[in-house]
């Protein structure tokens, strides 16, 4: 079975396709500094849409999602954006974790796995 990799760098690939499964690396907002959790989540989900399309799938085929936020107090704010984006009736298995992220400007990071 072949493995396809997109946006591959020396440390990681943004998208890996193995068989009919698509794995995305954790996605953070572009130019996150000064953006609210709402804005960062909107940006991240748009990036995820693009990565999924590149791999030949979409959010209706999400299998799982892991969401990292720096402060659980912002959970409702992030969820409001997520709930408006996720495909109704096709919601993935999901976990949300409070965690310190790679750089202080990031408040949200989302990683998903999808079927093709």
Protein backbone atom coordinates (compact mmCIF):
# COMPACT_ATOMS: atom_id res chain seq x y z
CA UNK A 1 0.00 0.00 0.00
CA UNK A 2 1.40 3.40 -0.94
CA UNK A 3 1.89 6.37 1.33
CA UNK A 4 1.44 9.93 0.02
CA UNK A 5 2.83 12.93 1.87
CA UNK A 6 1.96 16.58 1.27
CA UNK A 7 3.82 19.67 2.46
CA UNK A 8 6.70 17.56 3.68
CA UNK A 9 9.57 19.15 5.55
CA UNK A 10 12.62 17.86 7.41
CA UNK A 11 10.64 17.31 10.63
CA UNK A 12 7.13 16.39 9.52
CA UNK A 13 4.49 16.31 6.81
CA UNK A 14 1.31 18.35 7.11
CA UNK A 15 -0.76 15.60 5.45
CA UNK A 16 -0.11 11.86 5.18
CA UNK A 17 -2.40 9.52 3.22
CA UNK A 18 -2.13 5.78 3.83
CA UNK A 19 -4.68 3.69 2.01
CA UNK A 20 -8.03 5.34 2.59
CA UNK A 21 -7.01 7.18 5.74
CA UNK A 22 -5.82 10.79 5.87
CA UNK A 23 -3.76 12.02 8.84
CA UNK A 24 -3.20 15.72 9.44
CA UNK A 25 -0.46 17.16 11.61
CA UNK A 26 -1.56 19.55 14.31
CA UNK A 27 -2.76 22.77 12.67
CA UNK A 28 -2.33 26.22 14.20
CA UNK A 29 -3.52 29.59 12.94
CA UNK A 30 -1.41 31.56 10.52
CA UNK A 31 -0.25 34.86 11.99
CA UNK A 32 -1.86 33.94 15.31
CA UNK A 33 -0.48 36.81 17.37
CA UNK A 34 -3.26 39.06 18.60
CA UNK A 35 -6.03 36.80 17.26
CA UNK A 36 -8.81 35.64 19.55
CA UNK A 37 -9.59 31.97 20.12
CA UNK A 38 -12.55 32.42 17.77
CA UNK A 39 -10.34 33.85 15.01
CA UNK A 40 -7.63 31.23 15.51
CA UNK A 41 -10.18 28.41 15.40
CA UNK A 42 -11.76 29.82 12.21
CA UNK A 43 -8.33 30.06 10.59
CA UNK A 44 -7.37 26.53 11.64
CA UNK A 45 -10.59 25.00 10.33
CA UNK A 46 -10.13 26.76 6.96
CA UNK A 47 -6.60 25.32 6.76
CA UNK A 48 -7.95 21.86 7.66
CA UNK A 49 -10.55 22.17 4.87
CA UNK A 50 -7.72 22.91 2.41
CA UNK A 51 -5.56 20.01 3.60
CA UNK A 52 -8.48 17.58 3.41
CA UNK A 53 -9.35 18.74 -0.11
CA UNK A 54 -5.73 18.26 -1.18
CA UNK A 55 -5.95 14.67 0.08
CA UNK A 56 -9.23 14.03 -1.73
CA UNK A 57 -11.64 14.16 1.21
CA UNK A 58 -13.61 16.61 3.36
CA UNK A 59 -14.86 17.27 6.87
CA UNK A 60 -17.87 14.98 6.41
CA UNK A 61 -15.44 12.06 6.56
CA UNK A 62 -13.66 12.99 9.79
CA UNK A 63 -12.94 10.00 12.00
CA UNK A 64 -11.29 11.69 14.96
CA UNK A 65 -10.15 15.08 16.18
CA UNK A 66 -7.84 16.15 18.97
CA UNK A 67 -8.08 19.78 20.02
CA UNK A 68 -5.48 21.45 22.21
CA UNK A 69 -6.34 24.76 23.89
CA UNK A 70 -4.16 26.74 26.25
CA UNK A 71 -7.00 27.65 28.62
CA UNK A 72 -10.14 25.57 29.27
CA UNK A 73 -11.98 28.83 29.98
CA UNK A 74 -11.96 29.35 26.18
CA UNK A 75 -13.58 25.94 25.54
CA UNK A 76 -17.06 27.44 24.82
CA UNK A 77 -15.54 30.02 22.43
CA UNK A 78 -13.69 27.34 20.46
CA UNK A 79 -16.74 25.05 20.51
CA UNK A 80 -18.98 27.76 19.05
CA UNK A 81 -16.77 27.88 15.95
CA UNK A 82 -16.32 24.09 15.81
CA UNK A 83 -20.08 23.49 16.08
CA UNK A 84 -20.75 25.82 13.16
CA UNK A 85 -18.12 24.09 11.01
CA UNK A 86 -18.40 20.37 11.71
CA UNK A 87 -20.58 18.32 9.35
CA UNK A 88 -23.93 17.65 11.06
CA UNK A 89 -24.54 13.95 11.50
CA UNK A 90 -20.88 13.19 10.72
CA UNK A 91 -19.20 14.34 13.90
CA UNK A 92 -15.90 12.60 14.69
CA UNK A 93 -14.69 11.02 17.89
CA UNK A 94 -13.07 13.96 19.68
CA UNK A 95 -10.94 14.94 22.63
CA UNK A 96 -10.10 18.42 23.89
CA UNK A 97 -7.04 18.90 26.05
CA UNK A 98 -5.66 21.92 27.88
CA UNK A 99 -1.98 22.17 26.99
CA UNK A 100 0.89 24.58 26.60
CA UNK A 101 1.50 24.93 22.84
CA UNK A 102 4.73 25.36 20.87
CA UNK A 103 4.71 29.17 20.93
CA UNK A 104 2.91 31.69 23.16
CA UNK A 105 0.85 33.23 20.32
CA UNK A 106 -0.97 29.92 19.73
CA UNK A 107 -4.15 29.37 21.74
CA UNK A 108 -5.59 26.49 19.71
CA UNK A 109 -4.16 23.53 17.77
CA UNK A 110 -6.29 20.91 16.04
CA UNK A 111 -5.27 17.53 14.64
CA UNK A 112 -7.68 15.35 12.65
CA UNK A 113 -7.85 11.95 10.97
CA UNK A 114 -10.29 11.39 8.10
CA UNK A 115 -11.40 8.65 5.73
CA UNK A 116 -10.90 9.22 2.04
